[in-house]
Amino acid sequence: MTVCNPNIFEAIKIISIFMQRKLSLSLQLGQKIRFTLIFALLITSCGESKVSQCNQLIAMVNSTEQTISNITQASSPDISALQDIATATNQAVTDLEMVNLSNNKLNSFKSRFLEFYTDISTHVQTIVTAHNEQNMSDAKPAYTQLETTFEKQQPLVDELNNFCRQGYDE
């Protein structure tokens, strides 16, 4: 087991705090159905209503959020947990890229979530690499960037929720 570096603990704490915020997205899906969901989304996304497409995007986001939350709650704050978070956010990017949405506004949200998860993965991986190389001067800016990235989460979720609550417009 890796000894807990105070900086690693801080990164896990940043992630954990933001993941503990309750998201008001309409679906809560478990990790076990992720691949079935992706397949279903690929097959059925063409010509679907805005509500259906909202639910697809929300399902993908919720799945990722749940995975990250599970990692932060089940893991000790060590480099391994950070690597798991980097892996989970990389998978989120792959999964989201496979979702086809015809609604332009939802595609904009999808792009913003892709950027969000890519940024998390990049910053966490920088922290992991810096830790492995004993180069904490590279890790410090990544901690700050990680926190700044997570500050974008709730406004993005709120905007998506507000848009999807509008029902069948567009």
Protein backbone atom coordinates (compact mmCIF):
# COMPACT_ATOMS: atom_id res chain seq x y z
CA MET A 1 0.00 0.00 0.00
CA THR A 2 1.26 3.47 -0.84
CA VAL A 3 1.86 5.76 2.12
CA CYS A 4 -0.64 8.60 2.16
CA ASN A 5 1.06 11.78 1.05
CA PRO A 6 -0.73 14.87 2.44
CA ASN A 7 -1.01 16.22 -1.12
CA ILE A 8 -2.65 13.00 -2.33
CA PHE A 9 -5.07 13.26 0.57
CA GLU A 10 -5.89 16.82 -0.53
CA ALA A 11 -6.67 15.71 -4.10
CA ILE A 12 -8.96 12.92 -2.89
CA LYS A 13 -10.59 15.40 -0.49
CA ILE A 14 -11.24 17.86 -3.36
CA ILE A 15 -12.81 15.13 -5.47
CA SER A 16 -14.78 13.68 -2.57
CA ILE A 17 -16.26 17.03 -1.53
CA PHE A 18 -17.57 17.72 -4.99
CA MET A 19 -18.83 14.17 -5.46
CA GLN A 20 -20.79 14.29 -2.20
CA ARG A 21 -22.96 17.07 -3.53
CA LYS A 22 -26.27 15.59 -4.45
CA LEU A 23 -26.91 15.82 -8.16
CA SER A 24 -30.53 16.27 -9.08
CA LEU A 25 -30.30 14.43 -12.35
CA SER A 26 -33.35 12.35 -13.06
CA LEU A 27 -31.79 8.90 -13.46
CA GLN A 28 -29.54 6.88 -11.18
CA LEU A 29 -28.00 3.92 -12.96
CA GLY A 30 -25.43 1.51 -11.61
CA GLN A 31 -22.07 0.61 -13.08
CA LYS A 32 -23.27 -2.89 -13.96
CA ILE A 33 -25.58 -1.69 -16.72
CA ARG A 34 -23.20 0.84 -18.24
CA PHE A 35 -22.32 -1.21 -21.33
CA THR A 36 -25.92 -2.24 -21.97
CA LEU A 37 -26.89 1.40 -21.70
CA ILE A 38 -24.23 2.49 -24.18
CA PHE A 39 -25.36 -0.13 -26.66
CA ALA A 40 -28.98 0.91 -26.27
CA LEU A 41 -28.08 4.56 -26.69
CA LEU A 42 -26.18 3.89 -29.89
CA ILE A 43 -29.06 1.94 -31.36
CA THR A 44 -31.92 4.21 -30.36
CA SER A 45 -30.61 7.78 -30.37
CA CYS A 46 -31.65 8.69 -33.90
CA GLY A 47 -34.89 10.63 -34.07
CA GLU A 48 -35.61 10.53 -30.37
CA SER A 49 -37.33 13.27 -28.43
CA LYS A 50 -35.49 15.88 -26.43
CA VAL A 51 -36.64 14.25 -23.19
CA SER A 52 -35.30 10.87 -24.29
CA GLN A 53 -31.99 12.40 -25.31
CA CYS A 54 -31.80 14.29 -22.00
CA ASN A 55 -32.29 11.03 -20.17
CA GLN A 56 -29.52 9.41 -22.22
CA LEU A 57 -27.03 12.15 -21.41
CA ILE A 58 -28.11 12.27 -17.78
CA ALA A 59 -27.71 8.49 -17.48
CA MET A 60 -24.14 8.66 -18.76
CA VAL A 61 -23.24 11.53 -16.43
CA ASN A 62 -24.85 9.85 -13.43
CA SER A 63 -23.03 6.61 -14.13
CA THR A 64 -19.70 8.42 -14.16
CA GLU A 65 -20.52 10.49 -11.10
CA GLN A 66 -21.51 7.33 -9.21
CA THR A 67 -18.31 5.57 -10.22
CA ILE A 68 -16.15 8.46 -9.02
CA SER A 69 -18.16 8.76 -5.83
CA ASN A 70 -17.72 5.03 -5.16
CA ILE A 71 -13.96 5.36 -5.62
CA THR A 72 -13.68 8.30 -3.22
CA GLN A 73 -15.84 6.60 -0.59
CA ALA A 74 -14.35 3.11 -0.81
CA SER A 75 -10.68 3.94 -1.24
CA SER A 76 -8.09 5.20 1.12
CA PRO A 77 -6.69 8.53 -0.02
CA ASP A 78 -3.69 7.22 -1.92
CA ILE A 79 -2.18 7.30 -5.35
CA SER A 80 -4.10 4.18 -6.36
CA ALA A 81 -7.43 5.92 -5.77
CA LEU A 82 -6.31 8.83 -7.91
CA GLN A 83 -5.28 6.46 -10.69
CA ASP A 84 -8.74 4.83 -10.48
CA ILE A 85 -10.35 8.26 -10.84
CA ALA A 86 -8.20 9.03 -13.89
CA THR A 87 -9.25 5.70 -15.40
CA ALA A 88 -12.93 6.32 -14.64
CA THR A 89 -12.91 9.78 -16.19
CA ASN A 90 -11.08 8.48 -19.26
CA GLN A 91 -13.81 5.84 -19.59
CA ALA A 92 -16.45 8.55 -19.22
CA VAL A 93 -14.94 10.41 -22.15
CA THR A 94 -15.00 7.24 -24.27
CA ASP A 95 -18.59 6.48 -23.26
CA LEU A 96 -19.84 10.02 -23.89
CA GLU A 97 -18.17 10.18 -27.29
CA MET A 98 -20.30 7.19 -28.33
CA VAL A 99 -23.60 8.89 -27.46
CA ASN A 100 -25.32 10.33 -30.53
CA LEU A 101 -27.59 13.29 -29.84
CA SER A 102 -29.53 15.19 -32.49
CA ASN A 103 -30.40 18.15 -30.25
CA ASN A 104 -27.80 20.91 -30.69
CA LYS A 105 -28.10 22.20 -27.13
CA LEU A 106 -27.65 18.69 -25.72
CA ASN A 107 -24.61 18.23 -27.94
CA SER A 108 -23.24 21.42 -26.41
CA PHE A 109 -23.78 19.98 -22.92
CA LYS A 110 -22.16 16.74 -24.04
CA SER A 111 -19.10 18.68 -25.25
CA ARG A 112 -18.87 20.51 -21.95
CA PHE A 113 -19.04 17.25 -19.99
CA LEU A 114 -16.38 15.78 -22.28
CA GLU A 115 -14.15 18.75 -21.50
CA PHE A 116 -14.94 18.46 -17.78
CA TYR A 117 -14.01 14.76 -17.58
CA THR A 118 -10.95 15.22 -19.80
CA ASP A 119 -9.71 18.01 -17.55
CA ILE A 120 -10.24 15.92 -14.41
CA SER A 121 -8.35 13.03 -15.93
CA THR A 122 -5.50 15.27 -17.07
CA HIS A 123 -5.09 16.99 -13.71
CA VAL A 124 -5.34 13.76 -11.73
CA GLN A 125 -2.85 12.04 -14.02
CA THR A 126 -0.45 14.97 -13.58
CA ILE A 127 -0.73 14.53 -9.81
CA VAL A 128 -0.14 10.78 -10.10
CA THR A 129 2.89 11.25 -12.36
CA ALA A 130 4.34 13.96 -10.14
CA HIS A 131 3.90 11.75 -7.08
CA ASN A 132 5.54 8.78 -8.79
CA GLU A 133 8.45 10.97 -9.86
CA GLN A 134 8.68 12.65 -6.42
CA ASN A 135 8.14 16.01 -8.18
CA MET A 136 5.63 17.86 -6.03
CA SER A 137 6.34 21.19 -7.77
CA ASP A 138 4.45 19.81 -10.80
CA ALA A 139 1.63 18.50 -8.61
CA LYS A 140 0.78 21.76 -6.86
CA PRO A 141 -0.66 23.56 -9.92
CA ALA A 142 -2.56 20.39 -10.84
CA TYR A 143 -4.29 20.40 -7.42
CA THR A 144 -5.39 23.98 -8.01
CA GLN A 145 -6.56 23.20 -11.55
CA LEU A 146 -8.43 20.13 -10.29
CA GLU A 147 -10.30 22.21 -7.74
CA THR A 148 -11.10 24.86 -10.37
CA THR A 149 -12.38 22.16 -12.72
CA PHE A 150 -14.69 20.70 -10.07
CA GLU A 151 -16.12 24.15 -9.40
CA LYS A 152 -17.62 23.97 -12.91
CA GLN A 153 -19.51 20.77 -12.13
CA GLN A 154 -22.58 22.04 -10.28
CA PRO A 155 -23.33 24.94 -12.66
CA LEU A 156 -23.06 22.54 -15.60
CA VAL A 157 -25.36 20.00 -13.94
CA ASP A 158 -27.83 22.75 -13.02
CA GLU A 159 -27.89 24.05 -16.59
CA LEU A 160 -28.49 20.58 -17.98
CA ASN A 161 -31.27 19.96 -15.46
CA ASN A 162 -32.93 23.28 -16.28
CA PHE A 163 -32.76 22.62 -19.99
CA CYS A 164 -34.15 19.11 -19.64
CA ARG A 165 -36.97 20.26 -17.35
CA GLN A 166 -38.26 22.41 -20.19
CA GLY A 167 -39.82 19.25 -21.60
CA TYR A 168 -40.51 18.85 -25.24
CA ASP A 169 -39.42 22.30 -26.48
CA GLU A 170 -37.16 22.24 -29.51
